[in-house]
Amino acid sequence: MSIYNALDIYKSNFSKLEIIRYDIKVKRTKVDKSAGVIIGDFILTFRSEADRSIKSSRGNITWLLRWRGHKWEIEEINYKIHDINVIDE
């Protein structure tokens, strides 16, 4: 699958969610002269357009960074979802 198709699917999936809260806890960072990595945990609370239930997902997130010009840029984002739970309203 091309990156453009993957991005379209990713955007489409997120456009069908009402993001209620998105928290990230940074656990580790490592930076050298031109590259870096940030590792953390995330919790995303959202309402699905399909069934209107409120759900929460949690997992790990990693950013790979690259120093370009005079700033850090995110080169890649990786995440792994551990679970998704329905939240009682």
PDB file of N, CA and C in Angstrom:
ATOM      1  N   MET A   1       0.852  -1.176   0.000  1.00  0.00           N
ATOM      2  CA  MET A   1       0.000   0.000   0.000  1.00  0.00           C
ATOM      3  C   MET A   1       0.898   1.238   0.000  1.00  0.00           C
ATOM      4  N   SER A   2       0.556   2.190  -0.818  1.00  0.00           N
ATOM      5  CA  SER A   2       1.377   3.406  -0.877  1.00  0.00           C
ATOM      6  C   SER A   2       1.136   4.252   0.368  1.00  0.00           C
ATOM      7  N   ILE A   3       2.091   5.102   0.683  1.00  0.00           N
ATOM      8  CA  ILE A   3       1.970   5.992   1.833  1.00  0.00           C
ATOM      9  C   ILE A   3       0.771   6.919   1.674  1.00  0.00           C
ATOM     10  N   TYR A   4       0.489   7.339   0.444  1.00  0.00           N
ATOM     11  CA  TYR A   4      -0.645   8.239   0.210  1.00  0.00           C
ATOM     12  C   TYR A   4      -1.971   7.547   0.512  1.00  0.00           C
ATOM     13  N   ASN A   5      -2.109   6.292   0.123  1.00  0.00           N
ATOM     14  CA  ASN A   5      -3.322   5.537   0.433  1.00  0.00           C
ATOM     15  C   ASN A   5      -3.449   5.302   1.937  1.00  0.00           C
ATOM     16  N   ALA A   6      -2.330   4.993   2.576  1.00  0.00           N
ATOM     17  CA  ALA A   6      -2.344   4.782   4.026  1.00  0.00           C
ATOM     18  C   ALA A   6      -2.750   6.061   4.754  1.00  0.00           C
ATOM     19  N   LEU A   7      -2.242   7.196   4.324  1.00  0.00           N
ATOM     20  CA  LEU A   7      -2.601   8.475   4.952  1.00  0.00           C
ATOM     21  C   LEU A   7      -4.073   8.798   4.746  1.00  0.00           C
ATOM     22  N   ASP A   8      -4.595   8.509   3.572  1.00  0.00           N
ATOM     23  CA  ASP A   8      -6.020   8.742   3.313  1.00  0.00           C
ATOM     24  C   ASP A   8      -6.894   7.903   4.244  1.00  0.00           C
ATOM     25  N   ILE A   9      -6.531   6.652   4.441  1.00  0.00           N
ATOM     26  CA  ILE A   9      -7.282   5.767   5.336  1.00  0.00           C
ATOM     27  C   ILE A   9      -7.177   6.267   6.769  1.00  0.00           C
ATOM     28  N   TYR A  10      -5.976   6.656   7.172  1.00  0.00           N
ATOM     29  CA  TYR A  10      -5.736   7.168   8.530  1.00  0.00           C
ATOM     30  C   TYR A  10      -6.592   8.405   8.785  1.00  0.00           C
ATOM     31  N   LYS A  11      -6.585   9.357   7.850  1.00  0.00           N
ATOM     32  CA  LYS A  11      -7.382  10.584   7.989  1.00  0.00           C
ATOM     33  C   LYS A  11      -8.870  10.260   8.023  1.00  0.00           C
ATOM     34  N   SER A  12      -9.308   9.335   7.183  1.00  0.00           N
ATOM     35  CA  SER A  12     -10.709   8.957   7.136  1.00  0.00           C
ATOM     36  C   SER A  12     -11.158   8.347   8.461  1.00  0.00           C
ATOM     37  N   ASN A  13     -10.332   7.473   9.036  1.00  0.00           N
ATOM     38  CA  ASN A  13     -10.670   6.852  10.313  1.00  0.00           C
ATOM     39  C   ASN A  13     -10.786   7.895  11.423  1.00  0.00           C
ATOM     40  N   PHE A  14      -9.839   8.827  11.487  1.00  0.00           N
ATOM     41  CA  PHE A  14      -9.871   9.832  12.544  1.00  0.00           C
ATOM     42  C   PHE A  14     -10.993  10.843  12.335  1.00  0.00           C
ATOM     43  N   SER A  15     -11.406  11.074  11.109  1.00  0.00           N
ATOM     44  CA  SER A  15     -12.489  12.027  10.869  1.00  0.00           C
ATOM     45  C   SER A  15     -13.833  11.472  11.340  1.00  0.00           C
ATOM     46  N   LYS A  16     -13.903  10.167  11.583  1.00  0.00           N
ATOM     47  CA  LYS A  16     -15.134   9.546  12.056  1.00  0.00           C
ATOM     48  C   LYS A  16     -15.192   9.455  13.581  1.00  0.00           C
ATOM     49  N   LEU A  17     -14.209  10.062  14.239  1.00  0.00           N
ATOM     50  CA  LEU A  17     -14.153  10.049  15.696  1.00  0.00           C
ATOM     51  C   LEU A  17     -14.282  11.461  16.234  1.00  0.00           C
ATOM     52  N   GLU A  18     -14.991  11.588  17.326  1.00  0.00           N
ATOM     53  CA  GLU A  18     -15.008  12.837  18.076  1.00  0.00           C
ATOM     54  C   GLU A  18     -13.988  12.649  19.201  1.00  0.00           C
ATOM     55  N   ILE A  19     -12.835  13.291  19.083  1.00  0.00           N
ATOM     56  CA  ILE A  19     -11.783  13.154  20.085  1.00  0.00           C
ATOM     57  C   ILE A  19     -12.202  13.949  21.322  1.00  0.00           C
ATOM     58  N   ILE A  20     -12.324  13.264  22.436  1.00  0.00           N
ATOM     59  CA  ILE A  20     -12.709  13.902  23.689  1.00  0.00           C
ATOM     60  C   ILE A  20     -11.462  14.297  24.480  1.00  0.00           C
ATOM     61  N   ARG A  21     -10.495  13.413  24.496  1.00  0.00           N
ATOM     62  CA  ARG A  21      -9.253  13.678  25.232  1.00  0.00           C
ATOM     63  C   ARG A  21      -8.148  12.806  24.661  1.00  0.00           C
ATOM     64  N   TYR A  22      -6.939  13.375  24.595  1.00  0.00           N
ATOM     65  CA  TYR A  22      -5.785  12.627  24.108  1.00  0.00           C
ATOM     66  C   TYR A  22      -4.607  12.993  24.988  1.00  0.00           C
ATOM     67  N   ASP A  23      -4.166  12.060  25.806  1.00  0.00           N
ATOM     68  CA  ASP A  23      -3.065  12.292  26.741  1.00  0.00           C
ATOM     69  C   ASP A  23      -1.876  11.420  26.371  1.00  0.00           C
ATOM     70  N   ILE A  24      -0.697  12.020  26.479  1.00  0.00           N
ATOM     71  CA  ILE A  24       0.541  11.289  26.241  1.00  0.00           C
ATOM     72  C   ILE A  24       1.458  11.504  27.436  1.00  0.00           C
ATOM     73  N   LYS A  25       2.002  10.421  27.959  1.00  0.00           N
ATOM     74  CA  LYS A  25       2.978  10.485  29.038  1.00  0.00           C
ATOM     75  C   LYS A  25       4.328  10.056  28.466  1.00  0.00           C
ATOM     76  N   VAL A  26       5.260  10.990  28.425  1.00  0.00           N
ATOM     77  CA  VAL A  26       6.603  10.686  27.915  1.00  0.00           C
ATOM     78  C   VAL A  26       7.351   9.892  28.975  1.00  0.00           C
ATOM     79  N   LYS A  27       7.902   8.745  28.552  1.00  0.00           N
ATOM     80  CA  LYS A  27       8.617   7.869  29.477  1.00  0.00           C
ATOM     81  C   LYS A  27      10.130   7.970  29.308  1.00  0.00           C
ATOM     82  N   ARG A  28      10.581   8.106  28.039  1.00  0.00           N
ATOM     83  CA  ARG A  28      12.027   8.173  27.780  1.00  0.00           C
ATOM     84  C   ARG A  28      12.293   9.050  26.577  1.00  0.00           C
ATOM     85  N   THR A  29      13.432   9.696  26.593  1.00  0.00           N
ATOM     86  CA  THR A  29      13.896  10.458  25.435  1.00  0.00           C
ATOM     87  C   THR A  29      15.374  10.171  25.235  1.00  0.00           C
ATOM     88  N   LYS A  30      15.777  10.211  23.989  1.00  0.00           N
ATOM     89  CA  LYS A  30      17.193  10.051  23.653  1.00  0.00           C
ATOM     90  C   LYS A  30      17.449  10.936  22.441  1.00  0.00           C
ATOM     91  N   VAL A  31      18.436  11.813  22.557  1.00  0.00           N
ATOM     92  CA  VAL A  31      18.734  12.753  21.486  1.00  0.00           C
ATOM     93  C   VAL A  31      20.246  12.826  21.316  1.00  0.00           C
ATOM     94  N   ASP A  32      20.689  12.803  20.056  1.00  0.00           N
ATOM     95  CA  ASP A  32      22.091  13.099  19.777  1.00  0.00           C
ATOM     96  C   ASP A  32      22.125  14.321  18.869  1.00  0.00           C
ATOM     97  N   LYS A  33      23.171  14.513  18.117  1.00  0.00           N
ATOM     98  CA  LYS A  33      23.311  15.734  17.316  1.00  0.00           C
ATOM     99  C   LYS A  33      22.244  15.889  16.239  1.00  0.00           C
ATOM    100  N   SER A  34      21.841  14.797  15.596  1.00  0.00           N
ATOM    101  CA  SER A  34      20.925  14.942  14.464  1.00  0.00           C
ATOM    102  C   SER A  34      19.703  14.033  14.504  1.00  0.00           C
ATOM    103  N   ALA A  35      19.595  13.180  15.521  1.00  0.00           N
ATOM    104  CA  ALA A  35      18.461  12.257  15.591  1.00  0.00           C
ATOM    105  C   ALA A  35      18.014  12.106  17.033  1.00  0.00           C
ATOM    106  N   GLY A  36      16.771  11.705  17.179  1.00  0.00           N
ATOM    107  CA  GLY A  36      16.251  11.499  18.524  1.00  0.00           C
ATOM    108  C   GLY A  36      15.073  10.559  18.510  1.00  0.00           C
ATOM    109  N   VAL A  37      14.708  10.114  19.691  1.00  0.00           N
ATOM    110  CA  VAL A  37      13.545   9.247  19.845  1.00  0.00           C
ATOM    111  C   VAL A  37      12.842   9.640  21.145  1.00  0.00           C
ATOM    112  N   ILE A  38      11.529   9.639  21.097  1.00  0.00           N
ATOM    113  CA  ILE A  38      10.704   9.881  22.277  1.00  0.00           C
ATOM    114  C   ILE A  38       9.768   8.696  22.397  1.00  0.00           C
ATOM    115  N   ILE A  39       9.726   8.098  23.583  1.00  0.00           N
ATOM    116  CA  ILE A  39       8.896   6.920  23.830  1.00  0.00           C
ATOM    117  C   ILE A  39       7.915   7.244  24.943  1.00  0.00           C
ATOM    118  N   GLY A  40       6.659   6.894  24.730  1.00  0.00           N
ATOM    119  CA  GLY A  40       5.668   7.181  25.749  1.00  0.00           C
ATOM    120  C   GLY A  40       4.461   6.270  25.667  1.00  0.00           C
ATOM    121  N   ASP A  41       3.497   6.571  26.538  1.00  0.00           N
ATOM    122  CA  ASP A  41       2.215   5.875  26.558  1.00  0.00           C
ATOM    123  C   ASP A  41       1.129   6.883  26.199  1.00  0.00           C
ATOM    124  N   PHE A  42       0.063   6.411  25.564  1.00  0.00           N
ATOM    125  CA  PHE A  42      -1.049   7.298  25.238  1.00  0.00           C
ATOM    126  C   PHE A  42      -2.367   6.711  25.725  1.00  0.00           C
ATOM    127  N   ILE A  43      -3.307   7.611  25.999  1.00  0.00           N
ATOM    128  CA  ILE A  43      -4.693   7.241  26.255  1.00  0.00           C
ATOM    129  C   ILE A  43      -5.542   8.180  25.414  1.00  0.00           C
ATOM    130  N   LEU A  44      -6.376   7.605  24.578  1.00  0.00           N
ATOM    131  CA  LEU A  44      -7.254   8.359  23.696  1.00  0.00           C
ATOM    132  C   LEU A  44      -8.696   8.044  24.073  1.00  0.00           C
ATOM    133  N   THR A  45      -9.461   9.087  24.420  1.00  0.00           N
ATOM    134  CA  THR A  45     -10.881   8.927  24.714  1.00  0.00           C
ATOM    135  C   THR A  45     -11.644   9.561  23.565  1.00  0.00           C
ATOM    136  N   PHE A  46     -12.595   8.808  22.993  1.00  0.00           N
ATOM    137  CA  PHE A  46     -13.277   9.273  21.790  1.00  0.00           C
ATOM    138  C   PHE A  46     -14.710   8.756  21.730  1.00  0.00           C
ATOM    139  N   ARG A  47     -15.510   9.395  20.891  1.00  0.00           N
ATOM    140  CA  ARG A  47     -16.862   8.936  20.595  1.00  0.00           C
ATOM    141  C   ARG A  47     -16.877   8.538  19.127  1.00  0.00           C
ATOM    142  N   SER A  48     -17.351   7.348  18.864  1.00  0.00           N
ATOM    143  CA  SER A  48     -17.430   6.833  17.501  1.00  0.00           C
ATOM    144  C   SER A  48     -18.665   7.386  16.808  1.00  0.00           C
ATOM    145  N   GLU A  49     -18.506   7.793  15.559  1.00  0.00           N
ATOM    146  CA  GLU A  49     -19.626   8.266  14.758  1.00  0.00           C
ATOM    147  C   GLU A  49     -20.625   7.136  14.509  1.00  0.00           C
ATOM    148  N   ALA A  50     -20.137   5.910  14.426  1.00  0.00           N
ATOM    149  CA  ALA A  50     -20.974   4.758  14.070  1.00  0.00           C
ATOM    150  C   ALA A  50     -22.008   4.433  15.145  1.00  0.00           C
ATOM    151  N   ASP A  51     -21.586   4.286  16.399  1.00  0.00           N
ATOM    152  CA  ASP A  51     -22.538   3.866  17.437  1.00  0.00           C
ATOM    153  C   ASP A  51     -22.683   4.879  18.575  1.00  0.00           C
ATOM    154  N   ARG A  52     -21.967   5.999  18.511  1.00  0.00           N
ATOM    155  CA  ARG A  52     -22.042   7.105  19.471  1.00  0.00           C
ATOM    156  C   ARG A  52     -21.589   6.727  20.881  1.00  0.00           C
ATOM    157  N   SER A  53     -21.029   5.529  21.066  1.00  0.00           N
ATOM    158  CA  SER A  53     -20.528   5.154  22.387  1.00  0.00           C
ATOM    159  C   SER A  53     -19.179   5.842  22.632  1.00  0.00           C
ATOM    160  N   ILE A  54     -18.881   6.064  23.909  1.00  0.00           N
ATOM    161  CA  ILE A  54     -17.587   6.644  24.275  1.00  0.00           C
ATOM    162  C   ILE A  54     -16.645   5.492  24.592  1.00  0.00           C
ATOM    163  N   LYS A  55     -15.463   5.551  23.990  1.00  0.00           N
ATOM    164  CA  LYS A  55     -14.472   4.495  24.167  1.00  0.00           C
ATOM    165  C   LYS A  55     -13.131   5.095  24.544  1.00  0.00           C
ATOM    166  N   SER A  56     -12.285   4.266  25.093  1.00  0.00           N
ATOM    167  CA  SER A  56     -10.936   4.686  25.454  1.00  0.00           C
ATOM    168  C   SER A  56      -9.963   3.629  24.943  1.00  0.00           C
ATOM    169  N   SER A  57      -8.915   4.076  24.295  1.00  0.00           N
ATOM    170  CA  SER A  57      -7.866   3.144  23.868  1.00  0.00           C
ATOM    171  C   SER A  57      -6.555   3.600  24.497  1.00  0.00           C
ATOM    172  N   ARG A  58      -5.704   2.628  24.765  1.00  0.00           N
ATOM    173  CA  ARG A  58      -4.398   2.959  25.349  1.00  0.00           C
ATOM    174  C   ARG A  58      -3.331   2.114  24.687  1.00  0.00           C
ATOM    175  N   GLY A  59      -2.115   2.636  24.737  1.00  0.00           N
ATOM    176  CA  GLY A  59      -1.007   1.902  24.142  1.00  0.00           C
ATOM    177  C   GLY A  59       0.288   2.680  24.234  1.00  0.00           C
ATOM    178  N   ASN A  60       1.221   2.319  23.370  1.00  0.00           N
ATOM    179  CA  ASN A  60       2.546   2.940  23.331  1.00  0.00           C
ATOM    180  C   ASN A  60       2.683   3.774  22.072  1.00  0.00           C
ATOM    181  N   ILE A  61       3.467   4.849  22.169  1.00  0.00           N
ATOM    182  CA  ILE A  61       3.736   5.697  21.018  1.00  0.00           C
ATOM    183  C   ILE A  61       5.219   6.047  21.006  1.00  0.00           C
ATOM    184  N   THR A  62       5.788   6.082  19.807  1.00  0.00           N
ATOM    185  CA  THR A  62       7.207   6.412  19.638  1.00  0.00           C
ATOM    186  C   THR A  62       7.344   7.404  18.497  1.00  0.00           C
ATOM    187  N   TRP A  63       8.066   8.484  18.741  1.00  0.00           N
ATOM    188  CA  TRP A  63       8.383   9.447  17.688  1.00  0.00           C
ATOM    189  C   TRP A  63       9.864   9.309  17.357  1.00  0.00           C
ATOM    190  N   LEU A  64      10.170   9.207  16.081  1.00  0.00           N
ATOM    191  CA  LEU A  64      11.554   9.284  15.612  1.00  0.00           C
ATOM    192  C   LEU A  64      11.755  10.693  15.090  1.00  0.00           C
ATOM    193  N   LEU A  65      12.775  11.375  15.598  1.00  0.00           N
ATOM    194  CA  LEU A  65      13.024  12.775  15.279  1.00  0.00           C
ATOM    195  C   LEU A  65      14.287  12.935  14.445  1.00  0.00           C
ATOM    196  N   ARG A  66      14.320  14.005  13.681  1.00  0.00           N
ATOM    197  CA  ARG A  66      15.501  14.351  12.883  1.00  0.00           C
ATOM    198  C   ARG A  66      15.693  15.862  12.995  1.00  0.00           C
ATOM    199  N   TRP A  67      16.931  16.282  13.239  1.00  0.00           N
ATOM    200  CA  TRP A  67      17.263  17.705  13.305  1.00  0.00           C
ATOM    201  C   TRP A  67      17.463  18.212  11.878  1.00  0.00           C
ATOM    202  N   ARG A  68      16.625  19.172  11.482  1.00  0.00           N
ATOM    203  CA  ARG A  68      16.718  19.738  10.137  1.00  0.00           C
ATOM    204  C   ARG A  68      16.703  21.250  10.257  1.00  0.00           C
ATOM    205  N   GLY A  69      17.699  21.864   9.658  1.00  0.00           N
ATOM    206  CA  GLY A  69      17.788  23.316   9.743  1.00  0.00           C
ATOM    207  C   GLY A  69      18.061  23.721  11.175  1.00  0.00           C
ATOM    208  N   HIS A  70      17.104  24.386  11.772  1.00  0.00           N
ATOM    209  CA  HIS A  70      17.259  24.836  13.156  1.00  0.00           C
ATOM    210  C   HIS A  70      16.137  24.325  14.049  1.00  0.00           C
ATOM    211  N   LYS A  71      15.582  23.143  13.704  1.00  0.00           N
ATOM    212  CA  LYS A  71      14.475  22.617  14.507  1.00  0.00           C
ATOM    213  C   LYS A  71      14.389  21.093  14.393  1.00  0.00           C
ATOM    214  N   TRP A  72      13.743  20.504  15.387  1.00  0.00           N
ATOM    215  CA  TRP A  72      13.454  19.080  15.363  1.00  0.00           C
ATOM    216  C   TRP A  72      12.179  18.856  14.566  1.00  0.00           C
ATOM    217  N   GLU A  73      12.184  17.828  13.722  1.00  0.00           N
ATOM    218  CA  GLU A  73      11.003  17.442  12.964  1.00  0.00           C
ATOM    219  C   GLU A  73      10.714  15.975  13.238  1.00  0.00           C
ATOM    220  N   ILE A  74       9.426  15.645  13.297  1.00  0.00           N
ATOM    221  CA  ILE A  74       9.030  14.251  13.465  1.00  0.00           C
ATOM    222  C   ILE A  74       9.183  13.554  12.117  1.00  0.00           C
ATOM    223  N   GLU A  75      10.011  12.547  12.094  1.00  0.00           N
ATOM    224  CA  GLU A  75      10.254  11.791  10.868  1.00  0.00           C
ATOM    225  C   GLU A  75       9.302  10.603  10.748  1.00  0.00           C
ATOM    226  N   GLU A  76       8.944  10.034  11.900  1.00  0.00           N
ATOM    227  CA  GLU A  76       8.088   8.844  11.886  1.00  0.00           C
ATOM    228  C   GLU A  76       7.373   8.737  13.227  1.00  0.00           C
ATOM    229  N   ILE A  77       6.130   8.283  13.202  1.00  0.00           N
ATOM    230  CA  ILE A  77       5.362   8.011  14.419  1.00  0.00           C
ATOM    231  C   ILE A  77       4.915   6.555  14.363  1.00  0.00           C
ATOM    232  N   ASN A  78       5.177   5.841  15.448  1.00  0.00           N
ATOM    233  CA  ASN A  78       4.734   4.454  15.562  1.00  0.00           C
ATOM    234  C   ASN A  78       3.915   4.325  16.832  1.00  0.00           C
ATOM    235  N   TYR A  79       2.809   3.613  16.748  1.00  0.00           N
ATOM    236  CA  TYR A  79       2.040   3.371  17.954  1.00  0.00           C
ATOM    237  C   TYR A  79       1.462   1.969  17.932  1.00  0.00           C
ATOM    238  N   LYS A  80       1.251   1.453  19.133  1.00  0.00           N
ATOM    239  CA  LYS A  80       0.671   0.122  19.288  1.00  0.00           C
ATOM    240  C   LYS A  80      -0.470   0.240  20.284  1.00  0.00           C
ATOM    241  N   ILE A  81      -1.664  -0.145  19.855  1.00  0.00           N
ATOM    242  CA  ILE A  81      -2.837  -0.102  20.721  1.00  0.00           C
ATOM    243  C   ILE A  81      -2.884  -1.408  21.528  1.00  0.00           C
ATOM    244  N   HIS A  82      -2.971  -1.274  22.852  1.00  0.00           N
ATOM    245  CA  HIS A  82      -3.063  -2.455  23.719  1.00  0.00           C
ATOM    246  C   HIS A  82      -4.502  -2.901  23.896  1.00  0.00           C
ATOM    247  N   ASP A  83      -5.397  -1.939  24.076  1.00  0.00           N
ATOM    248  CA  ASP A  83      -6.800  -2.318  24.240  1.00  0.00           C
ATOM    249  C   ASP A  83      -7.709  -1.131  23.969  1.00  0.00           C
ATOM    250  N   ILE A  84      -8.971  -1.432  23.716  1.00  0.00           N
ATOM    251  CA  ILE A  84     -10.020  -0.431  23.538  1.00  0.00           C
ATOM    252  C   ILE A  84     -11.182  -0.862  24.423  1.00  0.00           C
ATOM    253  N   ASN A  85     -11.653   0.062  25.258  1.00  0.00           N
ATOM    254  CA  ASN A  85     -12.727  -0.240  26.190  1.00  0.00           C
ATOM    255  C   ASN A  85     -13.863   0.754  26.040  1.00  0.00           C
ATOM    256  N   VAL A  86     -15.095   0.258  26.232  1.00  0.00           N
ATOM    257  CA  VAL A  86     -16.263   1.142  26.261  1.00  0.00           C
ATOM    258  C   VAL A  86     -16.333   1.735  27.664  1.00  0.00           C
ATOM    259  N   ILE A  87     -16.573   3.054  27.727  1.00  0.00           N
ATOM    260  CA  ILE A  87     -16.671   3.751  29.005  1.00  0.00           C
ATOM    261  C   ILE A  87     -18.142   3.970  29.324  1.00  0.00           C
ATOM    262  N   ASP A  88     -18.534   3.672  30.526  1.00  0.00           N
ATOM    263  CA  ASP A  88     -19.905   3.935  30.965  1.00  0.00           C
ATOM    264  C   ASP A  88     -20.117   5.433  31.053  1.00  0.00           C
ATOM    265  N   GLU A  89     -21.248   5.882  30.555  1.00  0.00           N
ATOM    266  CA  GLU A  89     -21.552   7.330  30.605  1.00  0.00           C
ATOM    267  C   GLU A  89     -22.278   7.661  31.887  1.00  0.00           C
TER     268      GLU A  89
END
